[in-house]
Amino acid sequence: ITVDEGVKSNDNIKKTSKDLTKNLKSDREKAYALYKWIGTNIIYDDNKAKEVMELNNICKSGAITTFNEKKGICFDFACLFTAMAKDIGLKSRIIVGDAFNGSEYISHAWNQAYLEDEEKWINIDSTFYNAGEYFDNYNFNEDHISEKIAGEY
């Protein structure tokens, strides 16, 4: 799946995005609401990760699949965040690189969101939501090594 296909939304995702953020004012609050919703509603799919990494298997991926199945790998978390951000008018990037998973650095994908009202990009990793605060935290780059922007929307 391409990044452009991965970040496609649908009516259910759009409704959820808009419902989550309808009473929020700042871009930071909106981005955090998406981060928190994804982090608490989507689980990491270890079996899919194994298939992709070890078997080089092509699996269904992207925002729509992840939203519907409530599980995915880091690419899926990042696609869903970007799809939801687009739905509410926030700019988002998918970043690929390496991240420390507690024992080693692994290939990883996460997001940056542009907070227009603060005029800056911030790092967000909803895949790591359950491992600590990965929303614009001061030490984000200590365990994330950015290689490139895979897509900006």
Protein backbone atom coordinates (compact mmCIF):
# COMPACT_ATOMS: atom_id res chain seq x y z
CA ILE A 1 0.00 0.00 0.00
CA THR A 2 1.25 3.49 -0.76
CA VAL A 3 1.26 6.26 1.82
CA ASP A 4 -1.34 8.18 -0.23
CA GLU A 5 -3.65 5.14 -0.15
CA GLY A 6 -2.89 4.54 3.53
CA VAL A 7 -4.07 7.97 4.65
CA LYS A 8 -7.45 7.78 2.92
CA SER A 9 -10.39 8.36 5.21
CA ASN A 10 -14.06 7.36 5.14
CA ASP A 11 -17.29 8.63 6.67
CA ASN A 12 -16.80 6.74 9.96
CA ILE A 13 -13.29 8.09 10.46
CA LYS A 14 -14.41 11.62 9.56
CA LYS A 15 -17.31 11.47 12.00
CA THR A 16 -15.06 10.22 14.80
CA SER A 17 -12.43 12.89 14.09
CA LYS A 18 -14.97 15.68 14.09
CA ASP A 19 -16.83 14.39 17.16
CA LEU A 20 -13.57 14.14 19.14
CA THR A 21 -12.53 17.71 18.37
CA LYS A 22 -15.77 19.65 17.92
CA ASN A 23 -15.49 21.55 21.23
CA LEU A 24 -11.71 22.05 21.16
CA LYS A 25 -10.14 25.37 20.25
CA SER A 26 -6.39 24.99 19.80
CA ASP A 27 -4.58 22.82 17.28
CA ARG A 28 -2.62 21.27 20.17
CA GLU A 29 -5.84 20.17 21.89
CA LYS A 30 -7.17 18.71 18.64
CA ALA A 31 -3.94 16.84 17.87
CA TYR A 32 -3.81 15.51 21.43
CA ALA A 33 -7.42 14.29 21.22
CA LEU A 34 -6.56 12.28 18.10
CA TYR A 35 -3.34 10.94 19.67
CA LYS A 36 -5.20 9.85 22.81
CA TRP A 37 -8.10 8.27 20.91
CA ILE A 38 -5.76 6.24 18.68
CA GLY A 39 -3.56 5.28 21.62
CA THR A 40 -6.49 4.00 23.67
CA ASN A 41 -8.57 2.42 20.88
CA ILE A 42 -6.04 0.79 18.55
CA ILE A 43 -3.86 -2.10 19.67
CA TYR A 44 -0.51 -3.09 18.24
CA ASP A 45 -0.77 -6.17 16.02
CA ASP A 46 2.29 -8.30 16.79
CA ASN A 47 1.23 -10.99 14.32
CA LYS A 48 1.01 -8.48 11.48
CA ALA A 49 4.39 -7.03 12.43
CA LYS A 50 5.90 -10.50 12.32
CA GLU A 51 4.35 -11.22 8.93
CA VAL A 52 5.60 -7.96 7.48
CA MET A 53 9.12 -8.14 8.92
CA GLU A 54 9.90 -11.84 8.76
CA LEU A 55 7.83 -13.10 5.88
CA ASN A 56 7.83 -9.91 3.82
CA ASN A 57 4.11 -10.51 3.48
CA ILE A 58 1.84 -7.86 2.04
CA CYS A 59 -1.02 -7.21 4.44
CA LYS A 60 -4.02 -4.94 4.38
CA SER A 61 -2.89 -1.65 5.85
CA GLY A 62 -3.81 1.97 6.26
CA ALA A 63 -6.23 4.15 8.12
CA ILE A 64 -9.49 2.51 7.07
CA THR A 65 -8.38 -1.05 7.82
CA THR A 66 -6.87 0.04 11.14
CA PHE A 67 -9.95 1.99 12.17
CA ASN A 68 -12.25 -0.92 11.29
CA GLU A 69 -10.14 -3.68 12.85
CA LYS A 70 -8.92 -1.57 15.83
CA LYS A 71 -5.39 -2.91 15.39
CA GLY A 72 -2.32 -2.32 13.28
CA ILE A 73 1.42 -1.73 13.11
CA CYS A 74 3.23 1.59 13.41
CA PHE A 75 2.59 2.50 9.75
CA ASP A 76 -1.13 1.96 10.36
CA PHE A 77 -1.16 4.11 13.51
CA ALA A 78 0.62 6.88 11.59
CA CYS A 79 -1.76 6.61 8.62
CA LEU A 80 -4.80 6.77 10.89
CA PHE A 81 -3.48 9.83 12.71
CA THR A 82 -2.86 11.59 9.40
CA ALA A 83 -6.27 10.65 8.00
CA MET A 84 -8.00 11.94 11.13
CA ALA A 85 -5.87 15.11 11.15
CA LYS A 86 -6.74 15.83 7.52
CA ASP A 87 -10.43 15.40 8.35
CA ILE A 88 -10.27 18.27 10.83
CA GLY A 89 -7.93 20.52 8.87
CA LEU A 90 -4.64 19.80 10.68
CA LYS A 91 -1.49 19.32 8.60
CA SER A 92 0.29 16.06 9.31
CA ARG A 93 3.43 14.25 8.22
CA ILE A 94 4.35 10.59 8.40
CA ILE A 95 7.96 10.21 9.51
CA VAL A 96 9.94 7.02 9.04
CA GLY A 97 13.13 6.08 10.81
CA ASP A 98 14.16 4.04 13.82
CA ALA A 99 12.87 4.02 17.37
CA PHE A 100 14.02 2.32 20.54
CA ASN A 101 11.48 -0.27 21.68
CA GLY A 102 13.02 -0.87 25.10
CA SER A 103 15.67 -3.33 23.95
CA GLU A 104 16.76 -2.31 20.45
CA TYR A 105 16.26 0.19 17.65
CA ILE A 106 13.68 -0.96 15.11
CA SER A 107 12.22 0.44 11.89
CA HIS A 108 9.35 2.69 12.85
CA ALA A 109 6.84 5.27 11.64
CA TRP A 110 5.27 8.15 13.57
CA ASN A 111 3.75 11.56 12.96
CA GLN A 112 4.39 15.23 13.08
CA ALA A 113 1.46 17.63 13.25
CA TYR A 114 1.62 21.29 12.36
CA LEU A 115 0.10 23.52 15.00
CA GLU A 116 -0.83 26.52 12.92
CA ASP A 117 -1.76 28.61 15.96
CA GLU A 118 1.74 27.97 17.40
CA GLU A 119 3.50 28.01 13.99
CA LYS A 120 5.45 24.79 14.60
CA TRP A 121 5.63 21.06 13.88
CA ILE A 122 5.48 18.67 16.84
CA ASN A 123 6.33 14.97 17.14
CA ILE A 124 3.59 12.48 17.96
CA ASP A 125 3.88 8.71 18.32
CA SER A 126 0.52 7.11 19.03
CA THR A 127 2.01 3.62 18.59
CA PHE A 128 4.07 4.26 21.75
CA TYR A 129 1.07 5.74 23.63
CA ASN A 130 1.06 3.01 26.27
CA ALA A 131 4.82 3.31 26.83
CA GLY A 132 4.69 6.89 28.09
CA GLU A 133 4.02 10.40 26.87
CA TYR A 134 4.91 10.58 23.19
CA PHE A 135 3.06 13.78 22.36
CA ASP A 136 5.50 16.65 21.85
CA ASN A 137 7.62 15.41 24.75
CA TYR A 138 10.95 17.15 25.33
CA ASN A 139 13.05 14.00 24.93
CA PHE A 140 11.27 12.52 21.88
CA ASN A 141 14.45 12.53 19.78
CA GLU A 142 16.36 10.54 22.40
CA ASP A 143 14.67 7.33 21.23
CA HIS A 144 13.43 8.30 17.75
CA ILE A 145 15.81 8.76 14.82
CA SER A 146 14.11 10.41 11.88
CA GLU A 147 15.26 9.35 8.42
CA LYS A 148 12.74 11.00 6.11
CA ILE A 149 9.27 12.35 5.62
CA ALA A 150 7.24 9.62 3.94
CA GLY A 151 4.30 11.90 3.24
CA GLU A 152 2.93 15.31 4.14
CA TYR A 153 -0.76 16.16 4.04
